[in-house]
Amino acid sequence: IVFTDGRLADPEALDGLPEGSRVEVIDVGATRDAAVSVL
C-alpha cells in the first residue's frame, strides 16, 4: 500500500505489484514551482 503525493520518479515500477496492492494519493494542494525537467 503506497501513500504518495503522486509525484513518483518511476511510476512504471508499480506495474506487476502483488494482488491486494493499491496506491493512495494524498492531496498536498497547489504549489507554485518551476523545475528544469530536461537538458
Full PDB file with SEQRES, HELIX, SHEET, SSBOND, CRYST1, ORIGX, SCALE, CONECT and MASTER records, all heavy atoms in Angstrom:
SEQRES   1 A   39  ILE VAL PHE THR ASP GLY ARG LEU ALA ASP PRO GLU ALA          
SEQRES   2 A   39  LEU ASP GLY LEU PRO GLU GLY SER ARG VAL GLU VAL ILE          
SEQRES   3 A   39  ASP VAL GLY ALA THR ARG ASP ALA ALA VAL SER VAL LEU          
HELIX    1 AA1 PRO A   11  LEU A   14  5                                   4    
SHEET    1 AA1 2 VAL A   2  THR A   4  0                                        
SHEET    2 AA1 2 VAL A  23  VAL A  25  1                                        
CRYST1    1.000    1.000    1.000  90.00  90.00  90.00 P 1           1          
ORIGX1      1.000000  0.000000  0.000000        0.00000                         
ORIGX2      0.000000  1.000000  0.000000        0.00000                         
ORIGX3      0.000000  0.000000  1.000000        0.00000                         
SCALE1      1.000000  0.000000  0.000000        0.00000                         
SCALE2      0.000000  1.000000  0.000000        0.00000                         
SCALE3      0.000000  0.000000  1.000000        0.00000                         
ATOM      1  N   ILE A   1       0.874  -1.177   0.000  1.00  0.00           N  
ATOM      2  CA  ILE A   1       0.000   0.000   0.000  1.00  0.00           C  
ATOM      3  C   ILE A   1       0.909   1.224   0.000  1.00  0.00           C  
ATOM      4  O   ILE A   1       1.721   1.397   0.913  1.00  0.00           O  
ATOM      5  CB  ILE A   1      -0.938   0.024   1.223  1.00  0.00           C  
ATOM      6  CG1 ILE A   1      -1.753  -1.273   1.296  1.00  0.00           C  
ATOM      7  CG2 ILE A   1      -1.866   1.231   1.153  1.00  0.00           C  
ATOM      8  CD1 ILE A   1      -2.596  -1.382   2.548  1.00  0.00           C  
ATOM      9  N   VAL A   2       0.781   2.040  -1.030  1.00  0.00           N  
ATOM     10  CA  VAL A   2       1.665   3.196  -1.202  1.00  0.00           C  
ATOM     11  C   VAL A   2       0.881   4.472  -0.941  1.00  0.00           C  
ATOM     12  O   VAL A   2      -0.182   4.690  -1.538  1.00  0.00           O  
ATOM     13  CB  VAL A   2       2.264   3.223  -2.629  1.00  0.00           C  
ATOM     14  CG1 VAL A   2       3.197   4.422  -2.777  1.00  0.00           C  
ATOM     15  CG2 VAL A   2       2.993   1.936  -2.925  1.00  0.00           C  
ATOM     16  N   PHE A   3       1.418   5.324  -0.049  1.00  0.00           N  
ATOM     17  CA  PHE A   3       0.853   6.659   0.193  1.00  0.00           C  
ATOM     18  C   PHE A   3       1.841   7.663  -0.400  1.00  0.00           C  
ATOM     19  O   PHE A   3       3.011   7.700  -0.004  1.00  0.00           O  
ATOM     20  CB  PHE A   3       0.648   6.899   1.691  1.00  0.00           C  
ATOM     21  CG  PHE A   3      -0.373   5.979   2.306  1.00  0.00           C  
ATOM     22  CD1 PHE A   3      -0.001   4.741   2.814  1.00  0.00           C  
ATOM     23  CD2 PHE A   3      -1.706   6.347   2.366  1.00  0.00           C  
ATOM     24  CE1 PHE A   3      -0.942   3.883   3.374  1.00  0.00           C  
ATOM     25  CE2 PHE A   3      -2.652   5.500   2.928  1.00  0.00           C  
ATOM     26  CZ  PHE A   3      -2.272   4.267   3.435  1.00  0.00           C  
ATOM     27  N   THR A   4       1.374   8.470  -1.341  1.00  0.00           N  
ATOM     28  CA  THR A   4       2.271   9.362  -2.077  1.00  0.00           C  
ATOM     29  C   THR A   4       1.525  10.608  -2.499  1.00  0.00           C  
ATOM     30  O   THR A   4       0.285  10.641  -2.530  1.00  0.00           O  
ATOM     31  CB  THR A   4       2.833   8.640  -3.322  1.00  0.00           C  
ATOM     32  OG1 THR A   4       3.555   9.573  -4.122  1.00  0.00           O  
ATOM     33  CG2 THR A   4       1.715   8.048  -4.179  1.00  0.00           C  
ATOM     34  N   ASP A   5       2.274  11.650  -2.818  1.00  0.00           N  
ATOM     35  CA  ASP A   5       1.662  12.855  -3.379  1.00  0.00           C  
ATOM     36  C   ASP A   5       1.476  12.710  -4.888  1.00  0.00           C  
ATOM     37  O   ASP A   5       1.047  13.649  -5.561  1.00  0.00           O  
ATOM     38  CB  ASP A   5       2.495  14.094  -3.059  1.00  0.00           C  
ATOM     39  CG  ASP A   5       3.901  14.011  -3.627  1.00  0.00           C  
ATOM     40  OD1 ASP A   5       4.215  12.996  -4.277  1.00  0.00           O  
ATOM     41  OD2 ASP A   5       4.686  14.959  -3.417  1.00  0.00           O  
ATOM     42  N   GLY A   6       1.812  11.541  -5.422  1.00  0.00           N  
ATOM     43  CA  GLY A   6       1.601  11.289  -6.842  1.00  0.00           C  
ATOM     44  C   GLY A   6       2.759  11.691  -7.734  1.00  0.00           C  
ATOM     45  O   GLY A   6       2.705  11.505  -8.944  1.00  0.00           O  
ATOM     46  N   ARG A   7       3.829  12.201  -7.153  1.00  0.00           N  
ATOM     47  CA  ARG A   7       4.938  12.709  -7.962  1.00  0.00           C  
ATOM     48  C   ARG A   7       6.111  11.725  -7.921  1.00  0.00           C  
ATOM     49  O   ARG A   7       7.230  12.073  -7.565  1.00  0.00           O  
ATOM     50  CB  ARG A   7       5.362  14.084  -7.466  1.00  0.00           C  
ATOM     51  CG  ARG A   7       4.223  15.101  -7.572  1.00  0.00           C  
ATOM     52  CD  ARG A   7       4.498  16.353  -6.789  1.00  0.00           C  
ATOM     53  NE  ARG A   7       3.309  17.198  -6.736  1.00  0.00           N  
ATOM     54  CZ  ARG A   7       3.232  18.313  -6.048  1.00  0.00           C  
ATOM     55  NH1 ARG A   7       4.264  18.715  -5.324  1.00  0.00           N  
ATOM     56  NH2 ARG A   7       2.134  19.032  -6.045  1.00  0.00           N  
ATOM     57  N   LEU A   8       5.835  10.507  -8.274  1.00  0.00           N  
ATOM     58  CA  LEU A   8       6.865   9.474  -8.280  1.00  0.00           C  
ATOM     59  C   LEU A   8       7.788   9.654  -9.479  1.00  0.00           C  
ATOM     60  O   LEU A   8       7.345  10.010 -10.574  1.00  0.00           O  
ATOM     61  CB  LEU A   8       6.235   8.082  -8.331  1.00  0.00           C  
ATOM     62  CG  LEU A   8       5.345   7.705  -7.142  1.00  0.00           C  
ATOM     63  CD1 LEU A   8       4.695   6.355  -7.384  1.00  0.00           C  
ATOM     64  CD2 LEU A   8       6.150   7.692  -5.852  1.00  0.00           C  
ATOM     65  N   ALA A   9       9.062   9.377  -9.263  1.00  0.00           N  
ATOM     66  CA  ALA A   9      10.024   9.485 -10.352  1.00  0.00           C  
ATOM     67  C   ALA A   9       9.906   8.321 -11.321  1.00  0.00           C  
ATOM     68  O   ALA A   9      10.261   8.445 -12.484  1.00  0.00           O  
ATOM     69  CB  ALA A   9      11.448   9.551  -9.792  1.00  0.00           C  
ATOM     70  N   ASP A  10       9.406   7.182 -10.860  1.00  0.00           N  
ATOM     71  CA  ASP A  10       9.340   5.974 -11.684  1.00  0.00           C  
ATOM     72  C   ASP A  10       8.015   5.244 -11.479  1.00  0.00           C  
ATOM     73  O   ASP A  10       7.987   4.112 -10.984  1.00  0.00           O  
ATOM     74  CB  ASP A  10      10.515   5.045 -11.370  1.00  0.00           C  
ATOM     75  CG  ASP A  10      10.689   4.825  -9.864  1.00  0.00           C  
ATOM     76  OD1 ASP A  10       9.898   5.404  -9.092  1.00  0.00           O  
ATOM     77  OD2 ASP A  10      11.587   4.072  -9.477  1.00  0.00           O  
ATOM     78  N   PRO A  11       6.885   5.866 -11.844  1.00  0.00           N  
ATOM     79  CA  PRO A  11       5.584   5.229 -11.588  1.00  0.00           C  
ATOM     80  C   PRO A  11       5.417   3.905 -12.324  1.00  0.00           C  
ATOM     81  O   PRO A  11       4.622   3.064 -11.912  1.00  0.00           O  
ATOM     82  CB  PRO A  11       4.578   6.273 -12.085  1.00  0.00           C  
ATOM     83  CG  PRO A  11       5.342   7.125 -13.051  1.00  0.00           C  
ATOM     84  CD  PRO A  11       6.738   7.165 -12.531  1.00  0.00           C  
ATOM     85  N   GLU A  12       6.176   3.693 -13.429  1.00  0.00           N  
ATOM     86  CA  GLU A  12       6.048   2.431 -14.156  1.00  0.00           C  
ATOM     87  C   GLU A  12       6.485   1.238 -13.305  1.00  0.00           C  
ATOM     88  O   GLU A  12       6.132   0.090 -13.599  1.00  0.00           O  
ATOM     89  CB  GLU A  12       6.886   2.479 -15.441  1.00  0.00           C  
ATOM     90  CG  GLU A  12       8.399   2.548 -15.252  1.00  0.00           C  
ATOM     91  CD  GLU A  12       8.902   3.941 -14.924  1.00  0.00           C  
ATOM     92  OE1 GLU A  12       8.076   4.883 -14.916  1.00  0.00           O  
ATOM     93  OE2 GLU A  12      10.110   4.093 -14.685  1.00  0.00           O  
ATOM     94  N   ALA A  13       7.250   1.501 -12.237  1.00  0.00           N  
ATOM     95  CA  ALA A  13       7.692   0.411 -11.368  1.00  0.00           C  
ATOM     96  C   ALA A  13       6.529  -0.217 -10.608  1.00  0.00           C  
ATOM     97  O   ALA A  13       6.677  -1.307 -10.037  1.00  0.00           O  
ATOM     98  CB  ALA A  13       8.742   0.925 -10.383  1.00  0.00           C  
ATOM     99  N   LEU A  14       5.386   0.436 -10.585  1.00  0.00           N  
ATOM    100  CA  LEU A  14       4.232  -0.103  -9.871  1.00  0.00           C  
ATOM    101  C   LEU A  14       3.531  -1.203 -10.652  1.00  0.00           C  
ATOM    102  O   LEU A  14       2.681  -1.907 -10.110  1.00  0.00           O  
ATOM    103  CB  LEU A  14       3.240   1.024  -9.565  1.00  0.00           C  
ATOM    104  CG  LEU A  14       3.748   2.123  -8.613  1.00  0.00           C  
ATOM    105  CD1 LEU A  14       2.753   3.257  -8.548  1.00  0.00           C  
ATOM    106  CD2 LEU A  14       4.002   1.550  -7.228  1.00  0.00           C  
ATOM    107  N   ASP A  15       3.872  -1.357 -11.936  1.00  0.00           N  
ATOM    108  CA  ASP A  15       3.252  -2.425 -12.724  1.00  0.00           C  
ATOM    109  C   ASP A  15       3.657  -3.784 -12.159  1.00  0.00           C  
ATOM    110  O   ASP A  15       4.821  -4.018 -11.849  1.00  0.00           O  
ATOM    111  CB  ASP A  15       3.690  -2.335 -14.192  1.00  0.00           C  
ATOM    112  CG  ASP A  15       3.197  -1.057 -14.853  1.00  0.00           C  
ATOM    113  OD1 ASP A  15       2.247  -0.459 -14.320  1.00  0.00           O  
ATOM    114  OD2 ASP A  15       3.763  -0.670 -15.894  1.00  0.00           O  
ATOM    115  N   GLY A  16       2.704  -4.670 -12.031  1.00  0.00           N  
ATOM    116  CA  GLY A  16       3.004  -6.025 -11.595  1.00  0.00           C  
ATOM    117  C   GLY A  16       3.058  -6.219 -10.097  1.00  0.00           C  
ATOM    118  O   GLY A  16       3.570  -7.250  -9.623  1.00  0.00           O  
ATOM    119  N   LEU A  17       2.563  -5.247  -9.307  1.00  0.00           N  
ATOM    120  CA  LEU A  17       2.548  -5.438  -7.859  1.00  0.00           C  
ATOM    121  C   LEU A  17       1.629  -6.602  -7.487  1.00  0.00           C  
ATOM    122  O   LEU A  17       0.655  -6.902  -8.190  1.00  0.00           O  
ATOM    123  CB  LEU A  17       2.064  -4.157  -7.165  1.00  0.00           C  
ATOM    124  CG  LEU A  17       3.048  -2.989  -7.112  1.00  0.00           C  
ATOM    125  CD1 LEU A  17       2.394  -1.785  -6.443  1.00  0.00           C  
ATOM    126  CD2 LEU A  17       4.323  -3.380  -6.362  1.00  0.00           C  
ATOM    127  N   PRO A  18       1.904  -7.270  -6.382  1.00  0.00           N  
ATOM    128  CA  PRO A  18       1.073  -8.417  -5.976  1.00  0.00           C  
ATOM    129  C   PRO A  18      -0.394  -8.028  -5.762  1.00  0.00           C  
ATOM    130  O   PRO A  18      -0.721  -6.856  -5.513  1.00  0.00           O  
ATOM    131  CB  PRO A  18       1.720  -8.876  -4.665  1.00  0.00           C  
ATOM    132  CG  PRO A  18       3.128  -8.367  -4.739  1.00  0.00           C  
ATOM    133  CD  PRO A  18       3.057  -7.078  -5.490  1.00  0.00           C  
ATOM    134  N   GLU A  19      -1.254  -9.014  -5.850  1.00  0.00           N  
ATOM    135  CA  GLU A  19      -2.685  -8.782  -5.645  1.00  0.00           C  
ATOM    136  C   GLU A  19      -2.926  -8.214  -4.254  1.00  0.00           C  
ATOM    137  O   GLU A  19      -2.310  -8.646  -3.280  1.00  0.00           O  
ATOM    138  CB  GLU A  19      -3.447 -10.095  -5.833  1.00  0.00           C  
ATOM    139  CG  GLU A  19      -4.954  -9.939  -5.759  1.00  0.00           C  
ATOM    140  CD  GLU A  19      -5.682 -11.247  -6.003  1.00  0.00           C  
ATOM    141  OE1 GLU A  19      -4.986 -12.238  -6.326  1.00  0.00           O  
ATOM    142  OE2 GLU A  19      -6.914 -11.282  -5.875  1.00  0.00           O  
ATOM    143  N   GLY A  20      -3.834  -7.241  -4.173  1.00  0.00           N  
ATOM    144  CA  GLY A  20      -4.134  -6.580  -2.916  1.00  0.00           C  
ATOM    145  C   GLY A  20      -3.391  -5.274  -2.727  1.00  0.00           C  
ATOM    146  O   GLY A  20      -3.667  -4.533  -1.784  1.00  0.00           O  
ATOM    147  N   SER A  21      -2.474  -4.976  -3.618  1.00  0.00           N  
ATOM    148  CA  SER A  21      -1.730  -3.715  -3.530  1.00  0.00           C  
ATOM    149  C   SER A  21      -2.607  -2.564  -4.013  1.00  0.00           C  
ATOM    150  O   SER A  21      -3.528  -2.746  -4.818  1.00  0.00           O  
ATOM    151  CB  SER A  21      -0.457  -3.786  -4.378  1.00  0.00           C  
ATOM    152  OG  SER A  21       0.387  -4.838  -3.955  1.00  0.00           O  
ATOM    153  N   ARG A  22      -2.324  -1.380  -3.535  1.00  0.00           N  
ATOM    154  CA  ARG A  22      -3.043  -0.195  -4.002  1.00  0.00           C  
ATOM    155  C   ARG A  22      -2.186   1.045  -3.759  1.00  0.00           C  
ATOM    156  O   ARG A  22      -1.218   1.014  -2.993  1.00  0.00           O  
ATOM    157  CB  ARG A  22      -4.392  -0.055  -3.314  1.00  0.00           C  
ATOM    158  CG  ARG A  22      -4.349   0.303  -1.850  1.00  0.00           C  
ATOM    159  CD  ARG A  22      -5.765   0.459  -1.283  1.00  0.00           C  
ATOM    160  NE  ARG A  22      -5.784   1.017   0.064  1.00  0.00           N  
ATOM    161  CZ  ARG A  22      -5.728   0.287   1.171  1.00  0.00           C  
ATOM    162  NH1 ARG A  22      -5.655  -1.047   1.084  1.00  0.00           N  
ATOM    163  NH2 ARG A  22      -5.751   0.884   2.359  1.00  0.00           N  
ATOM    164  N   VAL A  23      -2.543   2.120  -4.455  1.00  0.00           N  
ATOM    165  CA  VAL A  23      -1.835   3.399  -4.324  1.00  0.00           C  
ATOM    166  C   VAL A  23      -2.850   4.452  -3.903  1.00  0.00           C  
ATOM    167  O   VAL A  23      -3.904   4.596  -4.535  1.00  0.00           O  
ATOM    168  CB  VAL A  23      -1.165   3.811  -5.646  1.00  0.00           C  
ATOM    169  CG1 VAL A  23      -0.493   5.174  -5.502  1.00  0.00           C  
ATOM    170  CG2 VAL A  23      -0.146   2.769  -6.089  1.00  0.00           C  
ATOM    171  N   GLU A  24      -2.554   5.155  -2.816  1.00  0.00           N  
ATOM    172  CA  GLU A  24      -3.413   6.237  -2.359  1.00  0.00           C  
ATOM    173  C   GLU A  24      -2.655   7.556  -2.491  1.00  0.00           C  
ATOM    174  O   GLU A  24      -1.550   7.703  -1.963  1.00  0.00           O  
ATOM    175  CB  GLU A  24      -3.844   6.008  -0.900  1.00  0.00           C  
ATOM    176  CG  GLU A  24      -4.697   4.760  -0.720  1.00  0.00           C  
ATOM    177  CD  GLU A  24      -5.383   4.720   0.635  1.00  0.00           C  
ATOM    178  OE1 GLU A  24      -5.346   5.767   1.338  1.00  0.00           O  
ATOM    179  OE2 GLU A  24      -5.946   3.664   0.982  1.00  0.00           O  
ATOM    180  N   VAL A  25      -3.269   8.484  -3.212  1.00  0.00           N  
ATOM    181  CA  VAL A  25      -2.630   9.767  -3.485  1.00  0.00           C  
ATOM    182  C   VAL A  25      -3.125  10.797  -2.473  1.00  0.00           C  
ATOM    183  O   VAL A  25      -4.335  10.996  -2.314  1.00  0.00           O  
ATOM    184  CB  VAL A  25      -2.923  10.236  -4.922  1.00  0.00           C  
ATOM    185  CG1 VAL A  25      -2.286  11.598  -5.168  1.00  0.00           C  
ATOM    186  CG2 VAL A  25      -2.414   9.212  -5.920  1.00  0.00           C  
ATOM    187  N   ILE A  26      -2.194  11.428  -1.776  1.00  0.00           N  
ATOM    188  CA  ILE A  26      -2.506  12.455  -0.781  1.00  0.00           C  
ATOM    189  C   ILE A  26      -2.494  13.824  -1.460  1.00  0.00           C  
ATOM    190  O   ILE A  26      -1.507  14.189  -2.133  1.00  0.00           O  
ATOM    191  CB  ILE A  26      -1.471  12.443   0.359  1.00  0.00           C  
ATOM    192  CG1 ILE A  26      -1.391  11.052   0.990  1.00  0.00           C  
ATOM    193  CG2 ILE A  26      -1.805  13.502   1.391  1.00  0.00           C  
ATOM    194  CD1 ILE A  26      -2.655  10.584   1.625  1.00  0.00           C  
ATOM    195  N   ASP A  27      -3.568  14.551  -1.337  1.00  0.00           N  
ATOM    196  CA  ASP A  27      -3.658  15.883  -1.936  1.00  0.00           C  
ATOM    197  C   ASP A  27      -2.851  16.867  -1.098  1.00  0.00           C  
ATOM    198  O   ASP A  27      -3.161  17.091   0.074  1.00  0.00           O  
ATOM    199  CB  ASP A  27      -5.123  16.318  -2.020  1.00  0.00           C  
ATOM    200  CG  ASP A  27      -5.282  17.669  -2.718  1.00  0.00           C  
ATOM    201  OD1 ASP A  27      -4.282  18.133  -3.315  1.00  0.00           O  
ATOM    202  OD2 ASP A  27      -6.378  18.242  -2.674  1.00  0.00           O  
ATOM    203  N   VAL A  28      -1.817  17.440  -1.691  1.00  0.00           N  
ATOM    204  CA  VAL A  28      -0.985  18.389  -0.953  1.00  0.00           C  
ATOM    205  C   VAL A  28      -1.273  19.835  -1.359  1.00  0.00           C  
ATOM    206  O   VAL A  28      -0.560  20.747  -0.962  1.00  0.00           O  
ATOM    207  CB  VAL A  28       0.512  18.081  -1.180  1.00  0.00           C  
ATOM    208  CG1 VAL A  28       0.843  16.714  -0.621  1.00  0.00           C  
ATOM    209  CG2 VAL A  28       0.865  18.146  -2.662  1.00  0.00           C  
ATOM    210  N   GLY A  29      -2.310  20.014  -2.205  1.00  0.00           N  
ATOM    211  CA  GLY A  29      -2.652  21.369  -2.608  1.00  0.00           C  
ATOM    212  C   GLY A  29      -1.757  21.870  -3.734  1.00  0.00           C  
ATOM    213  O   GLY A  29      -0.778  21.241  -4.126  1.00  0.00           O  
ATOM    214  N   ALA A  30      -2.115  23.025  -4.253  1.00  0.00           N  
ATOM    215  CA  ALA A  30      -1.365  23.607  -5.371  1.00  0.00           C  
ATOM    216  C   ALA A  30      -0.057  24.218  -4.867  1.00  0.00           C  
ATOM    217  O   ALA A  30      -0.023  24.869  -3.819  1.00  0.00           O  
ATOM    218  CB  ALA A  30      -2.213  24.656  -6.074  1.00  0.00           C  
ATOM    219  N   THR A  31       1.003  24.003  -5.621  1.00  0.00           N  
ATOM    220  CA  THR A  31       2.316  24.535  -5.272  1.00  0.00           C  
ATOM    221  C   THR A  31       2.887  25.309  -6.455  1.00  0.00           C  
ATOM    222  O   THR A  31       2.928  24.799  -7.581  1.00  0.00           O  
ATOM    223  CB  THR A  31       3.291  23.390  -4.919  1.00  0.00           C  
ATOM    224  OG1 THR A  31       2.745  22.629  -3.849  1.00  0.00           O  
ATOM    225  CG2 THR A  31       4.652  23.941  -4.524  1.00  0.00           C  
ATOM    226  N   ARG A  32       3.308  26.542  -6.181  1.00  0.00           N  
ATOM    227  CA  ARG A  32       3.956  27.321  -7.242  1.00  0.00           C  
ATOM    228  C   ARG A  32       5.431  26.926  -7.279  1.00  0.00           C  
ATOM    229  O   ARG A  32       6.164  27.124  -6.315  1.00  0.00           O  
ATOM    230  CB  ARG A  32       3.810  28.824  -6.986  1.00  0.00           C  
ATOM    231  CG  ARG A  32       2.388  29.324  -7.180  1.00  0.00           C  
ATOM    232  CD  ARG A  32       2.287  30.841  -7.072  1.00  0.00           C  
ATOM    233  NE  ARG A  32       3.020  31.542  -8.109  1.00  0.00           N  
ATOM    234  CZ  ARG A  32       2.588  31.734  -9.358  1.00  0.00           C  
ATOM    235  NH1 ARG A  32       1.425  31.208  -9.735  1.00  0.00           N  
ATOM    236  NH2 ARG A  32       3.296  32.399 -10.227  1.00  0.00           N  
ATOM    237  N   ASP A  33       5.797  26.364  -8.405  1.00  0.00           N  
ATOM    238  CA  ASP A  33       7.155  25.849  -8.518  1.00  0.00           C  
ATOM    239  C   ASP A  33       7.523  25.749  -9.988  1.00  0.00           C  
ATOM    240  O   ASP A  33       6.648  25.591 -10.850  1.00  0.00           O  
ATOM    241  CB  ASP A  33       7.254  24.469  -7.851  1.00  0.00           C  
ATOM    242  CG  ASP A  33       8.673  23.931  -7.852  1.00  0.00           C  
ATOM    243  OD1 ASP A  33       9.599  24.733  -7.641  1.00  0.00           O  
ATOM    244  OD2 ASP A  33       8.848  22.725  -8.068  1.00  0.00           O  
ATOM    245  N   ALA A  34       8.786  25.849 -10.274  1.00  0.00           N  
ATOM    246  CA  ALA A  34       9.307  25.630 -11.629  1.00  0.00           C  
ATOM    247  C   ALA A  34      10.510  24.709 -11.523  1.00  0.00           C  
ATOM    248  O   ALA A  34      11.271  24.781 -10.553  1.00  0.00           O  
ATOM    249  CB  ALA A  34       9.700  26.950 -12.296  1.00  0.00           C  
ATOM    250  N   ALA A  35      10.662  23.840 -12.493  1.00  0.00           N  
ATOM    251  CA  ALA A  35      11.754  22.875 -12.470  1.00  0.00           C  
ATOM    252  C   ALA A  35      12.343  22.733 -13.860  1.00  0.00           C  
ATOM    253  O   ALA A  35      11.657  22.915 -14.872  1.00  0.00           O  
ATOM    254  CB  ALA A  35      11.255  21.519 -11.980  1.00  0.00           C  
ATOM    255  N   VAL A  36      13.628  22.402 -13.916  1.00  0.00           N  
ATOM    256  CA  VAL A  36      14.279  22.053 -15.179  1.00  0.00           C  
ATOM    257  C   VAL A  36      14.127  20.545 -15.336  1.00  0.00           C  
ATOM    258  O   VAL A  36      14.747  19.772 -14.610  1.00  0.00           O  
ATOM    259  CB  VAL A  36      15.765  22.448 -15.181  1.00  0.00           C  
ATOM    260  CG1 VAL A  36      16.392  22.124 -16.535  1.00  0.00           C  
ATOM    261  CG2 VAL A  36      15.936  23.922 -14.864  1.00  0.00           C  
ATOM    262  N   SER A  37      13.283  20.124 -16.275  1.00  0.00           N  
ATOM    263  CA  SER A  37      12.999  18.698 -16.407  1.00  0.00           C  
ATOM    264  C   SER A  37      13.916  18.007 -17.405  1.00  0.00           C  
ATOM    265  O   SER A  37      14.245  16.837 -17.238  1.00  0.00           O  
ATOM    266  CB  SER A  37      11.541  18.484 -16.825  1.00  0.00           C  
ATOM    267  OG  SER A  37      11.316  19.029 -18.120  1.00  0.00           O  
ATOM    268  N   VAL A  38      14.338  18.699 -18.444  1.00  0.00           N  
ATOM    269  CA  VAL A  38      15.151  18.085 -19.499  1.00  0.00           C  
ATOM    270  C   VAL A  38      16.236  19.054 -19.929  1.00  0.00           C  
ATOM    271  O   VAL A  38      16.001  20.257 -20.032  1.00  0.00           O  
ATOM    272  CB  VAL A  38      14.299  17.690 -20.730  1.00  0.00           C  
ATOM    273  CG1 VAL A  38      15.169  17.082 -21.828  1.00  0.00           C  
ATOM    274  CG2 VAL A  38      13.196  16.713 -20.340  1.00  0.00           C  
ATOM    275  N   LEU A  39      17.432  18.525 -20.163  1.00  0.00           N  
ATOM    276  CA  LEU A  39      18.535  19.299 -20.741  1.00  0.00           C  
ATOM    277  C   LEU A  39      19.090  18.505 -21.911  1.00  0.00           C  
ATOM    278  O   LEU A  39      19.567  17.380 -21.738  1.00  0.00           O  
ATOM    279  CB  LEU A  39      19.628  19.564 -19.706  1.00  0.00           C  
ATOM    280  CG  LEU A  39      20.903  20.242 -20.228  1.00  0.00           C  
ATOM    281  CD1 LEU A  39      20.576  21.589 -20.868  1.00  0.00           C  
ATOM    282  CD2 LEU A  39      21.925  20.408 -19.109  1.00  0.00           C  
TER     283      LEU A  39                                                      
MASTER        0    0    0    1    2    0    0    6  282    1    0    3          
END                                                                             
